[in-house]
Amino acid sequence: MSTLTRAAWRSLSALKTIVAAAAAALMLMTGAAQAGSTVGPDAAKVEIVIDKKHQRMTVYVGGEKRHEFTVSTGRAGYDTPVGTFRPSSMHKMAISVKYGNTPMPHTIFFTRVGHAIHATAAIKQLGRPASHGCIRLSPENAKLLYTLVQQMGLQNTTIRIV
């Protein structure tokens, strides 16, 4: 077994000090990040509430109202379901084969049978029931909602339709 010289011991001691300081700094940064992200149990939660009667969507983040949009829900014979849902998938562009290969930008699916929130080019129909059961938004609002849900995560998002 070899013995270390005084210079080697000093270098090793200095290295230990640097590693300890780096570890302490990392723990402080991690703790600060955790403290900032745990302000409350709903801090990272998104709730999307659709009011079919008034054709409005209200978006809450962490329990605070963040956005309110005019929507179109299902017209007669194509009802939009009522209840609480968890979004199942997101697609920057989806195509509805069932309805003539209609493009559905910024789509957030929330039922197994294909109900979704998505953009529409038929913005003049917003504010009244007009869809085949989906929830339509203006392209700008659909993109904003899509980006928010993408950032916060599907698992942290709830869709409530009343």
C-alpha atoms as a PDB file:
ATOM      1  CA  MET A   1       0.000   0.000   0.000  1.00  0.00           C
ATOM      2  CA  SER A   2       1.472   3.310  -0.969  1.00  0.00           C
ATOM      3  CA  THR A   3       1.495   6.319   1.262  1.00  0.00           C
ATOM      4  CA  LEU A   4       0.284   9.708   0.153  1.00  0.00           C
ATOM      5  CA  THR A   5       2.543  12.727   0.247  1.00  0.00           C
ATOM      6  CA  ARG A   6       1.579  15.890   2.073  1.00  0.00           C
ATOM      7  CA  ALA A   7       0.772  17.611  -1.234  1.00  0.00           C
ATOM      8  CA  ALA A   8      -1.495  14.729  -2.267  1.00  0.00           C
ATOM      9  CA  TRP A   9      -3.322  14.870   1.085  1.00  0.00           C
ATOM     10  CA  ARG A  10      -3.835  18.622   0.666  1.00  0.00           C
ATOM     11  CA  SER A  11      -5.188  18.107  -2.856  1.00  0.00           C
ATOM     12  CA  LEU A  12      -7.502  15.356  -1.652  1.00  0.00           C
ATOM     13  CA  SER A  13      -8.703  17.528   1.213  1.00  0.00           C
ATOM     14  CA  ALA A  14      -9.358  20.453  -1.151  1.00  0.00           C
ATOM     15  CA  LEU A  15     -11.261  18.145  -3.499  1.00  0.00           C
ATOM     16  CA  LYS A  16     -13.428  16.922  -0.597  1.00  0.00           C
ATOM     17  CA  THR A  17     -14.233  20.539   0.311  1.00  0.00           C
ATOM     18  CA  ILE A  18     -15.229  21.358  -3.270  1.00  0.00           C
ATOM     19  CA  VAL A  19     -17.430  18.253  -3.536  1.00  0.00           C
ATOM     20  CA  ALA A  20     -19.099  19.043  -0.199  1.00  0.00           C
ATOM     21  CA  ALA A  21     -19.759  22.653  -1.270  1.00  0.00           C
ATOM     22  CA  ALA A  22     -21.200  21.514  -4.606  1.00  0.00           C
ATOM     23  CA  ALA A  23     -23.455  18.996  -2.856  1.00  0.00           C
ATOM     24  CA  ALA A  24     -24.685  21.657  -0.416  1.00  0.00           C
ATOM     25  CA  ALA A  25     -25.416  24.078  -3.275  1.00  0.00           C
ATOM     26  CA  LEU A  26     -27.295  21.366  -5.163  1.00  0.00           C
ATOM     27  CA  MET A  27     -29.386  20.538  -2.080  1.00  0.00           C
ATOM     28  CA  LEU A  28     -30.250  24.211  -1.605  1.00  0.00           C
ATOM     29  CA  MET A  29     -31.261  24.629  -5.258  1.00  0.00           C
ATOM     30  CA  THR A  30     -33.332  21.440  -5.204  1.00  0.00           C
ATOM     31  CA  GLY A  31     -35.036  22.447  -1.986  1.00  0.00           C
ATOM     32  CA  ALA A  32     -35.840  25.895  -3.357  1.00  0.00           C
ATOM     33  CA  ALA A  33     -37.278  24.394  -6.530  1.00  0.00           C
ATOM     34  CA  GLN A  34     -39.400  21.985  -4.521  1.00  0.00           C
ATOM     35  CA  ALA A  35     -40.589  24.739  -2.208  1.00  0.00           C
ATOM     36  CA  GLY A  36     -41.574  26.880  -5.207  1.00  0.00           C
ATOM     37  CA  SER A  37     -43.485  24.059  -6.851  1.00  0.00           C
ATOM     38  CA  THR A  38     -45.416  22.985  -3.777  1.00  0.00           C
ATOM     39  CA  VAL A  39     -47.260  26.169  -2.951  1.00  0.00           C
ATOM     40  CA  GLY A  40     -50.454  24.150  -2.606  1.00  0.00           C
ATOM     41  CA  PRO A  41     -51.963  20.846  -3.684  1.00  0.00           C
ATOM     42  CA  ASP A  42     -53.616  22.479  -6.722  1.00  0.00           C
ATOM     43  CA  ALA A  43     -50.609  24.559  -7.835  1.00  0.00           C
ATOM     44  CA  ALA A  44     -49.929  22.328 -10.843  1.00  0.00           C
ATOM     45  CA  LYS A  45     -53.553  21.408 -11.606  1.00  0.00           C
ATOM     46  CA  VAL A  46     -55.520  22.553 -14.638  1.00  0.00           C
ATOM     47  CA  GLU A  47     -59.310  22.423 -14.581  1.00  0.00           C
ATOM     48  CA  ILE A  48     -61.163  23.082 -17.833  1.00  0.00           C
ATOM     49  CA  VAL A  49     -64.864  23.781 -17.218  1.00  0.00           C
ATOM     50  CA  ILE A  50     -67.255  23.837 -20.170  1.00  0.00           C
ATOM     51  CA  ASP A  51     -70.697  25.357 -19.626  1.00  0.00           C
ATOM     52  CA  LYS A  52     -72.881  23.999 -22.442  1.00  0.00           C
ATOM     53  CA  LYS A  53     -75.811  26.300 -21.646  1.00  0.00           C
ATOM     54  CA  HIS A  54     -73.695  29.432 -22.073  1.00  0.00           C
ATOM     55  CA  GLN A  55     -71.204  27.957 -24.599  1.00  0.00           C
ATOM     56  CA  ARG A  56     -68.271  29.093 -22.454  1.00  0.00           C
ATOM     57  CA  MET A  57     -65.047  27.479 -21.318  1.00  0.00           C
ATOM     58  CA  THR A  58     -63.288  28.644 -18.180  1.00  0.00           C
ATOM     59  CA  VAL A  59     -59.741  27.476 -17.498  1.00  0.00           C
ATOM     60  CA  TYR A  60     -58.400  27.377 -13.954  1.00  0.00           C
ATOM     61  CA  VAL A  61     -54.756  26.852 -13.038  1.00  0.00           C
ATOM     62  CA  GLY A  62     -54.014  26.125  -9.412  1.00  0.00           C
ATOM     63  CA  GLY A  63     -57.609  27.060  -8.580  1.00  0.00           C
ATOM     64  CA  GLU A  64     -57.307  30.539 -10.108  1.00  0.00           C
ATOM     65  CA  LYS A  65     -59.246  31.605 -13.196  1.00  0.00           C
ATOM     66  CA  ARG A  66     -56.735  31.992 -16.032  1.00  0.00           C
ATOM     67  CA  HIS A  67     -58.813  32.077 -19.260  1.00  0.00           C
ATOM     68  CA  GLU A  68     -62.387  32.288 -20.493  1.00  0.00           C
ATOM     69  CA  PHE A  69     -63.290  31.340 -24.085  1.00  0.00           C
ATOM     70  CA  THR A  70     -66.388  31.110 -26.258  1.00  0.00           C
ATOM     71  CA  VAL A  71     -66.922  27.553 -27.561  1.00  0.00           C
ATOM     72  CA  SER A  72     -69.265  25.461 -29.659  1.00  0.00           C
ATOM     73  CA  THR A  73     -70.490  22.159 -28.268  1.00  0.00           C
ATOM     74  CA  GLY A  74     -72.634  19.448 -29.875  1.00  0.00           C
ATOM     75  CA  ARG A  75     -75.684  20.434 -31.860  1.00  0.00           C
ATOM     76  CA  ALA A  76     -79.004  18.552 -31.706  1.00  0.00           C
ATOM     77  CA  GLY A  77     -78.446  14.849 -32.252  1.00  0.00           C
ATOM     78  CA  TYR A  78     -74.701  15.126 -31.518  1.00  0.00           C
ATOM     79  CA  ASP A  79     -74.602  15.791 -27.803  1.00  0.00           C
ATOM     80  CA  THR A  80     -71.407  16.668 -25.966  1.00  0.00           C
ATOM     81  CA  PRO A  81     -71.218  14.380 -22.913  1.00  0.00           C
ATOM     82  CA  VAL A  82     -71.673  15.798 -19.424  1.00  0.00           C
ATOM     83  CA  GLY A  83     -69.356  14.790 -16.592  1.00  0.00           C
ATOM     84  CA  THR A  84     -65.772  14.928 -15.427  1.00  0.00           C
ATOM     85  CA  PHE A  85     -63.057  13.563 -17.689  1.00  0.00           C
ATOM     86  CA  ARG A  86     -59.304  13.147 -17.777  1.00  0.00           C
ATOM     87  CA  PRO A  87     -57.718  13.919 -21.160  1.00  0.00           C
ATOM     88  CA  SER A  88     -56.315  10.757 -22.744  1.00  0.00           C
ATOM     89  CA  SER A  89     -54.131  12.102 -25.552  1.00  0.00           C
ATOM     90  CA  MET A  90     -53.085  15.224 -27.402  1.00  0.00           C
ATOM     91  CA  HIS A  91     -52.317  15.717 -31.088  1.00  0.00           C
ATOM     92  CA  LYS A  92     -51.027  18.868 -32.736  1.00  0.00           C
ATOM     93  CA  MET A  93     -53.116  17.867 -35.766  1.00  0.00           C
ATOM     94  CA  ALA A  94     -55.823  15.195 -35.823  1.00  0.00           C
ATOM     95  CA  ILE A  95     -58.044  14.300 -38.763  1.00  0.00           C
ATOM     96  CA  SER A  96     -61.680  13.249 -38.407  1.00  0.00           C
ATOM     97  CA  VAL A  97     -62.101  10.482 -40.967  1.00  0.00           C
ATOM     98  CA  LYS A  98     -65.691  10.013 -39.747  1.00  0.00           C
ATOM     99  CA  TYR A  99     -66.595  13.580 -40.746  1.00  0.00           C
ATOM    100  CA  GLY A 100     -64.990  13.994 -44.182  1.00  0.00           C
ATOM    101  CA  ASN A 101     -61.314  14.138 -43.190  1.00  0.00           C
ATOM    102  CA  THR A 102     -61.890  17.344 -41.279  1.00  0.00           C
ATOM    103  CA  PRO A 103     -58.687  18.760 -39.779  1.00  0.00           C
ATOM    104  CA  MET A 104     -58.759  19.239 -36.013  1.00  0.00           C
ATOM    105  CA  PRO A 105     -55.739  21.324 -34.946  1.00  0.00           C
ATOM    106  CA  HIS A 106     -54.560  21.299 -31.327  1.00  0.00           C
ATOM    107  CA  THR A 107     -56.726  18.368 -30.284  1.00  0.00           C
ATOM    108  CA  ILE A 108     -57.142  17.135 -26.707  1.00  0.00           C
ATOM    109  CA  PHE A 109     -59.121  13.863 -26.641  1.00  0.00           C
ATOM    110  CA  PHE A 110     -61.112  13.059 -23.502  1.00  0.00           C
ATOM    111  CA  THR A 111     -63.430  10.109 -24.306  1.00  0.00           C
ATOM    112  CA  ARG A 112     -62.840   6.679 -25.814  1.00  0.00           C
ATOM    113  CA  VAL A 113     -65.343   7.360 -28.584  1.00  0.00           C
ATOM    114  CA  GLY A 114     -63.506  10.420 -29.867  1.00  0.00           C
ATOM    115  CA  HIS A 115     -64.849  13.489 -28.086  1.00  0.00           C
ATOM    116  CA  ALA A 116     -62.210  16.193 -28.018  1.00  0.00           C
ATOM    117  CA  ILE A 117     -61.440  19.854 -27.557  1.00  0.00           C
ATOM    118  CA  HIS A 118     -59.948  21.306 -30.746  1.00  0.00           C
ATOM    119  CA  ALA A 119     -59.619  24.334 -33.011  1.00  0.00           C
ATOM    120  CA  THR A 120     -62.147  25.138 -35.695  1.00  0.00           C
ATOM    121  CA  ALA A 121     -62.135  27.288 -38.795  1.00  0.00           C
ATOM    122  CA  ALA A 122     -65.893  27.853 -38.282  1.00  0.00           C
ATOM    123  CA  ILE A 123     -65.353  30.686 -35.808  1.00  0.00           C
ATOM    124  CA  LYS A 124     -68.659  32.365 -36.740  1.00  0.00           C
ATOM    125  CA  GLN A 125     -70.419  29.369 -35.155  1.00  0.00           C
ATOM    126  CA  LEU A 126     -68.681  29.800 -31.795  1.00  0.00           C
ATOM    127  CA  GLY A 127     -71.147  30.688 -29.050  1.00  0.00           C
ATOM    128  CA  ARG A 128     -73.810  28.198 -30.125  1.00  0.00           C
ATOM    129  CA  PRO A 129     -74.090  24.409 -30.414  1.00  0.00           C
ATOM    130  CA  ALA A 130     -72.661  23.490 -33.827  1.00  0.00           C
ATOM    131  CA  SER A 131     -70.356  20.469 -33.561  1.00  0.00           C
ATOM    132  CA  HIS A 132     -70.736  16.698 -33.811  1.00  0.00           C
ATOM    133  CA  GLY A 133     -70.108  16.481 -30.049  1.00  0.00           C
ATOM    134  CA  CYS A 134     -66.624  17.931 -29.752  1.00  0.00           C
ATOM    135  CA  ILE A 135     -65.806  21.222 -28.076  1.00  0.00           C
ATOM    136  CA  ARG A 136     -64.605  23.744 -30.623  1.00  0.00           C
ATOM    137  CA  LEU A 137     -62.427  26.762 -29.936  1.00  0.00           C
ATOM    138  CA  SER A 138     -60.959  29.518 -32.084  1.00  0.00           C
ATOM    139  CA  PRO A 139     -57.535  28.513 -33.458  1.00  0.00           C
ATOM    140  CA  GLU A 140     -55.738  30.985 -31.171  1.00  0.00           C
ATOM    141  CA  ASN A 141     -57.520  29.803 -28.032  1.00  0.00           C
ATOM    142  CA  ALA A 142     -57.116  26.122 -28.944  1.00  0.00           C
ATOM    143  CA  LYS A 143     -53.366  26.610 -29.360  1.00  0.00           C
ATOM    144  CA  LEU A 144     -53.144  28.460 -26.037  1.00  0.00           C
ATOM    145  CA  LEU A 145     -55.071  25.706 -24.220  1.00  0.00           C
ATOM    146  CA  TYR A 146     -53.076  22.941 -25.944  1.00  0.00           C
ATOM    147  CA  THR A 147     -49.789  24.564 -24.907  1.00  0.00           C
ATOM    148  CA  LEU A 148     -50.971  24.989 -21.312  1.00  0.00           C
ATOM    149  CA  VAL A 149     -52.101  21.354 -20.994  1.00  0.00           C
ATOM    150  CA  GLN A 150     -48.881  20.176 -22.658  1.00  0.00           C
ATOM    151  CA  GLN A 151     -46.811  22.166 -20.131  1.00  0.00           C
ATOM    152  CA  MET A 152     -48.823  21.087 -17.085  1.00  0.00           C
ATOM    153  CA  GLY A 153     -49.374  17.466 -18.185  1.00  0.00           C
ATOM    154  CA  LEU A 154     -52.404  15.355 -19.031  1.00  0.00           C
ATOM    155  CA  GLN A 155     -52.239  13.751 -15.576  1.00  0.00           C
ATOM    156  CA  ASN A 156     -52.686  17.185 -13.987  1.00  0.00           C
ATOM    157  CA  THR A 157     -55.638  18.201 -16.144  1.00  0.00           C
ATOM    158  CA  THR A 158     -59.366  17.681 -15.570  1.00  0.00           C
ATOM    159  CA  ILE A 159     -62.178  18.475 -18.011  1.00  0.00           C
ATOM    160  CA  ARG A 160     -65.589  19.121 -16.450  1.00  0.00           C
ATOM    161  CA  ILE A 161     -68.606  19.567 -18.697  1.00  0.00           C
ATOM    162  CA  VAL A 162     -71.844  20.906 -17.220  1.00  0.00           C
END
